[in-house]
Amino acid sequence: MTAFMLACYLNGALQGSIYFKSVKDCTFYSEELSGQQLETENGTREYKCLCKLVPKVDPKRVRVY
């Protein structure tokens, strides 16, 4: 099964990922989540998300929404 992985990063460090059947769903969440900022003691950190095509996903091992 082909899927689209939404990968989200906080200052370049991967924070999590989720798989979608539809590229529309993946890009919607990517656009909504990207650009958020987190204020910390060490300064501001920015959240960035992007969609990646994953050609082979085993739906028995990975939940695809």
PDB file of N, CA and C in Angstrom:
ATOM      1  N   MET A   1       0.842  -1.178   0.000  1.00  0.00           N
ATOM      2  CA  MET A   1       0.000   0.000   0.000  1.00  0.00           C
ATOM      3  C   MET A   1       0.886   1.239   0.000  1.00  0.00           C
ATOM      4  N   THR A   2       0.513   2.226  -0.804  1.00  0.00           N
ATOM      5  CA  THR A   2       1.207   3.512  -0.845  1.00  0.00           C
ATOM      6  C   THR A   2       0.519   4.454   0.139  1.00  0.00           C
ATOM      7  N   ALA A   3       1.329   5.242   0.846  1.00  0.00           N
ATOM      8  CA  ALA A   3       0.777   6.184   1.822  1.00  0.00           C
ATOM      9  C   ALA A   3       1.609   7.464   1.814  1.00  0.00           C
ATOM     10  N   PHE A   4       1.085   8.466   2.496  1.00  0.00           N
ATOM     11  CA  PHE A   4       1.776   9.745   2.646  1.00  0.00           C
ATOM     12  C   PHE A   4       2.069   9.953   4.119  1.00  0.00           C
ATOM     13  N   MET A   5       3.341  10.148   4.445  1.00  0.00           N
ATOM     14  CA  MET A   5       3.748  10.310   5.836  1.00  0.00           C
ATOM     15  C   MET A   5       3.876  11.798   6.158  1.00  0.00           C
ATOM     16  N   LEU A   6       3.185  12.214   7.200  1.00  0.00           N
ATOM     17  CA  LEU A   6       3.320  13.570   7.712  1.00  0.00           C
ATOM     18  C   LEU A   6       4.390  13.518   8.790  1.00  0.00           C
ATOM     19  N   ALA A   7       5.515  14.169   8.534  1.00  0.00           N
ATOM     20  CA  ALA A   7       6.620  14.207   9.487  1.00  0.00           C
ATOM     21  C   ALA A   7       6.732  15.624  10.037  1.00  0.00           C
ATOM     22  N   CYS A   8       6.752  15.749  11.367  1.00  0.00           N
ATOM     23  CA  CYS A   8       6.810  17.064  12.002  1.00  0.00           C
ATOM     24  C   CYS A   8       8.105  17.206  12.796  1.00  0.00           C
ATOM     25  N   TYR A   9       8.731  18.366  12.648  1.00  0.00           N
ATOM     26  CA  TYR A   9      10.028  18.647  13.252  1.00  0.00           C
ATOM     27  C   TYR A   9       9.945  19.899  14.117  1.00  0.00           C
ATOM     28  N   LEU A  10      10.676  19.891  15.216  1.00  0.00           N
ATOM     29  CA  LEU A  10      10.813  21.060  16.076  1.00  0.00           C
ATOM     30  C   LEU A  10      12.290  21.423  16.068  1.00  0.00           C
ATOM     31  N   ASN A  11      12.614  22.523  15.407  1.00  0.00           N
ATOM     32  CA  ASN A  11      14.001  22.954  15.212  1.00  0.00           C
ATOM     33  C   ASN A  11      14.867  21.855  14.611  1.00  0.00           C
ATOM     34  N   GLY A  12      14.332  21.138  13.640  1.00  0.00           N
ATOM     35  CA  GLY A  12      15.093  20.129  12.919  1.00  0.00           C
ATOM     36  C   GLY A  12      15.083  18.737  13.522  1.00  0.00           C
ATOM     37  N   ALA A  13      14.536  18.570  14.720  1.00  0.00           N
ATOM     38  CA  ALA A  13      14.480  17.257  15.364  1.00  0.00           C
ATOM     39  C   ALA A  13      13.086  16.659  15.155  1.00  0.00           C
ATOM     40  N   LEU A  14      13.034  15.441  14.620  1.00  0.00           N
ATOM     41  CA  LEU A  14      11.761  14.777  14.365  1.00  0.00           C
ATOM     42  C   LEU A  14      11.000  14.585  15.667  1.00  0.00           C
ATOM     43  N   GLN A  15       9.747  15.037  15.682  1.00  0.00           N
ATOM     44  CA  GLN A  15       8.904  14.925  16.867  1.00  0.00           C
ATOM     45  C   GLN A  15       7.847  13.843  16.728  1.00  0.00           C
ATOM     46  N   GLY A  16       7.490  13.499  15.489  1.00  0.00           N
ATOM     47  CA  GLY A  16       6.491  12.471  15.276  1.00  0.00           C
ATOM     48  C   GLY A  16       6.084  12.378  13.829  1.00  0.00           C
ATOM     49  N   SER A  17       5.395  11.277  13.518  1.00  0.00           N
ATOM     50  CA  SER A  17       4.905  11.090  12.160  1.00  0.00           C
ATOM     51  C   SER A  17       3.610  10.297  12.191  1.00  0.00           C
ATOM     52  N   ILE A  18       2.822  10.483  11.142  1.00  0.00           N
ATOM     53  CA  ILE A  18       1.537   9.803  11.002  1.00  0.00           C
ATOM     54  C   ILE A  18       1.323   9.568   9.506  1.00  0.00           C
ATOM     55  N   TYR A  19       0.623   8.493   9.175  1.00  0.00           N
ATOM     56  CA  TYR A  19       0.425   8.102   7.779  1.00  0.00           C
ATOM     57  C   TYR A  19      -1.014   8.339   7.339  1.00  0.00           C
ATOM     58  N   PHE A  20      -1.160   8.824   6.091  1.00  0.00           N
ATOM     59  CA  PHE A  20      -2.465   9.094   5.501  1.00  0.00           C
ATOM     60  C   PHE A  20      -2.582   8.400   4.154  1.00  0.00           C
ATOM     61  N   LYS A  21      -3.807   8.003   3.786  1.00  0.00           N
ATOM     62  CA  LYS A  21      -4.080   7.448   2.464  1.00  0.00           C
ATOM     63  C   LYS A  21      -4.148   8.560   1.424  1.00  0.00           C
ATOM     64  N   SER A  22      -4.603   9.737   1.845  1.00  0.00           N
ATOM     65  CA  SER A  22      -4.845  10.850   0.932  1.00  0.00           C
ATOM     66  C   SER A  22      -3.785  11.941   1.080  1.00  0.00           C
ATOM     67  N   VAL A  23      -3.250  12.399  -0.055  1.00  0.00           N
ATOM     68  CA  VAL A  23      -2.296  13.507  -0.025  1.00  0.00           C
ATOM     69  C   VAL A  23      -2.991  14.794   0.414  1.00  0.00           C
ATOM     70  N   LYS A  24      -4.296  14.929   0.130  1.00  0.00           N
ATOM     71  CA  LYS A  24      -5.032  16.116   0.556  1.00  0.00           C
ATOM     72  C   LYS A  24      -5.062  16.230   2.074  1.00  0.00           C
ATOM     73  N   ASP A  25      -5.322  15.115   2.753  1.00  0.00           N
ATOM     74  CA  ASP A  25      -5.334  15.124   4.218  1.00  0.00           C
ATOM     75  C   ASP A  25      -3.948  15.448   4.767  1.00  0.00           C
ATOM     76  N   CYS A  26      -2.939  14.846   4.172  1.00  0.00           N
ATOM     77  CA  CYS A  26      -1.563  15.066   4.640  1.00  0.00           C
ATOM     78  C   CYS A  26      -1.158  16.535   4.486  1.00  0.00           C
ATOM     79  N   THR A  27      -1.427  17.118   3.328  1.00  0.00           N
ATOM     80  CA  THR A  27      -1.039  18.520   3.120  1.00  0.00           C
ATOM     81  C   THR A  27      -1.869  19.470   3.966  1.00  0.00           C
ATOM     82  N   PHE A  28      -3.135  19.143   4.222  1.00  0.00           N
ATOM     83  CA  PHE A  28      -3.959  19.980   5.098  1.00  0.00           C
ATOM     84  C   PHE A  28      -3.314  20.094   6.477  1.00  0.00           C
ATOM     85  N   TYR A  29      -2.967  18.953   7.076  1.00  0.00           N
ATOM     86  CA  TYR A  29      -2.364  18.981   8.409  1.00  0.00           C
ATOM     87  C   TYR A  29      -0.975  19.609   8.380  1.00  0.00           C
ATOM     88  N   SER A  30      -0.241  19.395   7.318  1.00  0.00           N
ATOM     89  CA  SER A  30       1.078  20.015   7.190  1.00  0.00           C
ATOM     90  C   SER A  30       0.975  21.535   7.213  1.00  0.00           C
ATOM     91  N   GLU A  31       0.024  22.074   6.452  1.00  0.00           N
ATOM     92  CA  GLU A  31      -0.148  23.527   6.394  1.00  0.00           C
ATOM     93  C   GLU A  31      -0.664  24.097   7.713  1.00  0.00           C
ATOM     94  N   GLU A  32      -1.559  23.381   8.373  1.00  0.00           N
ATOM     95  CA  GLU A  32      -2.131  23.867   9.632  1.00  0.00           C
ATOM     96  C   GLU A  32      -1.134  23.810  10.790  1.00  0.00           C
ATOM     97  N   LEU A  33      -0.287  22.795  10.816  1.00  0.00           N
ATOM     98  CA  LEU A  33       0.630  22.626  11.942  1.00  0.00           C
ATOM     99  C   LEU A  33       1.942  23.398  11.776  1.00  0.00           C
ATOM    100  N   SER A  34       2.405  23.567  10.555  1.00  0.00           N
ATOM    101  CA  SER A  34       3.674  24.263  10.313  1.00  0.00           C
ATOM    102  C   SER A  34       3.573  25.723  10.712  1.00  0.00           C
ATOM    103  N   GLY A  35       4.688  26.249  11.196  1.00  0.00           N
ATOM    104  CA  GLY A  35       4.760  27.663  11.544  1.00  0.00           C
ATOM    105  C   GLY A  35       4.414  27.977  12.988  1.00  0.00           C
ATOM    106  N   GLN A  36       3.917  26.996  13.732  1.00  0.00           N
ATOM    107  CA  GLN A  36       3.636  27.250  15.144  1.00  0.00           C
ATOM    108  C   GLN A  36       4.960  27.477  15.875  1.00  0.00           C
ATOM    109  N   GLN A  37       4.926  28.313  16.885  1.00  0.00           N
ATOM    110  CA  GLN A  37       6.142  28.613  17.632  1.00  0.00           C
ATOM    111  C   GLN A  37       5.965  28.269  19.099  1.00  0.00           C
ATOM    112  N   LEU A  38       7.046  27.796  19.685  1.00  0.00           N
ATOM    113  CA  LEU A  38       7.069  27.406  21.086  1.00  0.00           C
ATOM    114  C   LEU A  38       8.100  28.270  21.798  1.00  0.00           C
ATOM    115  N   GLU A  39       7.647  28.978  22.823  1.00  0.00           N
ATOM    116  CA  GLU A  39       8.559  29.822  23.609  1.00  0.00           C
ATOM    117  C   GLU A  39       9.183  28.969  24.710  1.00  0.00           C
ATOM    118  N   THR A  40      10.515  28.948  24.773  1.00  0.00           N
ATOM    119  CA  THR A  40      11.232  28.217  25.819  1.00  0.00           C
ATOM    120  C   THR A  40      12.226  29.154  26.494  1.00  0.00           C
ATOM    121  N   GLU A  41      12.886  28.659  27.524  1.00  0.00           N
ATOM    122  CA  GLU A  41      13.907  29.458  28.214  1.00  0.00           C
ATOM    123  C   GLU A  41      15.064  29.795  27.291  1.00  0.00           C
ATOM    124  N   ASN A  42      15.317  28.917  26.310  1.00  0.00           N
ATOM    125  CA  ASN A  42      16.436  29.103  25.388  1.00  0.00           C
ATOM    126  C   ASN A  42      16.053  29.854  24.117  1.00  0.00           C
ATOM    127  N   GLY A  43      14.827  30.347  24.049  1.00  0.00           N
ATOM    128  CA  GLY A  43      14.392  31.089  22.872  1.00  0.00           C
ATOM    129  C   GLY A  43      13.174  30.455  22.222  1.00  0.00           C
ATOM    130  N   THR A  44      12.897  30.913  21.023  1.00  0.00           N
ATOM    131  CA  THR A  44      11.726  30.450  20.288  1.00  0.00           C
ATOM    132  C   THR A  44      12.101  29.285  19.385  1.00  0.00           C
ATOM    133  N   ARG A  45      11.239  28.267  19.380  1.00  0.00           N
ATOM    134  CA  ARG A  45      11.431  27.122  18.491  1.00  0.00           C
ATOM    135  C   ARG A  45      10.244  27.056  17.538  1.00  0.00           C
ATOM    136  N   GLU A  46      10.513  26.676  16.290  1.00  0.00           N
ATOM    137  CA  GLU A  46       9.461  26.631  15.275  1.00  0.00           C
ATOM    138  C   GLU A  46       9.164  25.195  14.862  1.00  0.00           C
ATOM    139  N   TYR A  47       7.879  24.909  14.696  1.00  0.00           N
ATOM    140  CA  TYR A  47       7.374  23.604  14.313  1.00  0.00           C
ATOM    141  C   TYR A  47       7.173  23.589  12.805  1.00  0.00           C
ATOM    142  N   LYS A  48       7.757  22.611  12.105  1.00  0.00           N
ATOM    143  CA  LYS A  48       7.614  22.492  10.658  1.00  0.00           C
ATOM    144  C   LYS A  48       7.192  21.067  10.320  1.00  0.00           C
ATOM    145  N   CYS A  49       6.215  20.939   9.431  1.00  0.00           N
ATOM    146  CA  CYS A  49       5.721  19.627   9.010  1.00  0.00           C
ATOM    147  C   CYS A  49       5.772  19.529   7.496  1.00  0.00           C
ATOM    148  N   LEU A  50       6.013  18.326   6.993  1.00  0.00           N
ATOM    149  CA  LEU A  50       6.000  18.095   5.562  1.00  0.00           C
ATOM    150  C   LEU A  50       5.489  16.695   5.261  1.00  0.00           C
ATOM    151  N   CYS A  51       5.003  16.523   4.039  1.00  0.00           N
ATOM    152  CA  CYS A  51       4.472  15.230   3.596  1.00  0.00           C
ATOM    153  C   CYS A  51       5.502  14.532   2.722  1.00  0.00           C
ATOM    154  N   LYS A  52       5.629  13.237   2.934  1.00  0.00           N
ATOM    155  CA  LYS A  52       6.533  12.420   2.128  1.00  0.00           C
ATOM    156  C   LYS A  52       5.762  11.216   1.606  1.00  0.00           C
ATOM    157  N   LEU A  53       6.000  10.883   0.347  1.00  0.00           N
ATOM    158  CA  LEU A  53       5.396   9.701  -0.249  1.00  0.00           C
ATOM    159  C   LEU A  53       6.168   8.476   0.227  1.00  0.00           C
ATOM    160  N   VAL A  54       5.449   7.490   0.728  1.00  0.00           N
ATOM    161  CA  VAL A  54       6.062   6.236   1.167  1.00  0.00           C
ATOM    162  C   VAL A  54       5.474   5.141   0.272  1.00  0.00           C
ATOM    163  N   PRO A  55       6.283   4.566  -0.636  1.00  0.00           N
ATOM    164  CA  PRO A  55       5.738   3.635  -1.614  1.00  0.00           C
ATOM    165  C   PRO A  55       5.215   2.315  -1.040  1.00  0.00           C
ATOM    166  N   LYS A  56       5.822   1.825   0.021  1.00  0.00           N
ATOM    167  CA  LYS A  56       5.373   0.541   0.564  1.00  0.00           C
ATOM    168  C   LYS A  56       5.179   0.639   2.072  1.00  0.00           C
ATOM    169  N   VAL A  57       3.921   0.516   2.492  1.00  0.00           N
ATOM    170  CA  VAL A  57       3.580   0.532   3.910  1.00  0.00           C
ATOM    171  C   VAL A  57       2.767  -0.728   4.187  1.00  0.00           C
ATOM    172  N   ASP A  58       3.112  -1.435   5.233  1.00  0.00           N
ATOM    173  CA  ASP A  58       2.371  -2.622   5.636  1.00  0.00           C
ATOM    174  C   ASP A  58       1.258  -2.196   6.601  1.00  0.00           C
ATOM    175  N   PRO A  59      -0.012  -2.196   6.144  1.00  0.00           N
ATOM    176  CA  PRO A  59      -1.107  -1.734   7.003  1.00  0.00           C
ATOM    177  C   PRO A  59      -1.340  -2.607   8.235  1.00  0.00           C
ATOM    178  N   LYS A  60      -0.733  -3.787   8.254  1.00  0.00           N
ATOM    179  CA  LYS A  60      -0.832  -4.649   9.444  1.00  0.00           C
ATOM    180  C   LYS A  60       0.110  -4.156  10.553  1.00  0.00           C
ATOM    181  N   ARG A  61       1.139  -3.415  10.170  1.00  0.00           N
ATOM    182  CA  ARG A  61       2.120  -2.942  11.144  1.00  0.00           C
ATOM    183  C   ARG A  61       2.024  -1.444  11.398  1.00  0.00           C
ATOM    184  N   VAL A  62       1.448  -0.701  10.440  1.00  0.00           N
ATOM    185  CA  VAL A  62       1.369   0.760  10.544  1.00  0.00           C
ATOM    186  C   VAL A  62      -0.073   1.182  10.325  1.00  0.00           C
ATOM    187  N   ARG A  63      -0.598   2.003  11.208  1.00  0.00           N
ATOM    188  CA  ARG A  63      -1.968   2.517  11.034  1.00  0.00           C
ATOM    189  C   ARG A  63      -1.941   3.643  10.004  1.00  0.00           C
ATOM    190  N   VAL A  64      -2.799   3.515   9.007  1.00  0.00           N
ATOM    191  CA  VAL A  64      -2.907   4.518   7.947  1.00  0.00           C
ATOM    192  C   VAL A  64      -4.306   5.118   8.022  1.00  0.00           C
ATOM    193  N   TYR A  65      -4.364   6.432   8.187  1.00  0.00           N
ATOM    194  CA  TYR A  65      -5.642   7.133   8.326  1.00  0.00           C
ATOM    195  C   TYR A  65      -6.170   7.591   6.990  1.00  0.00           C
TER     196      TYR A  65
END
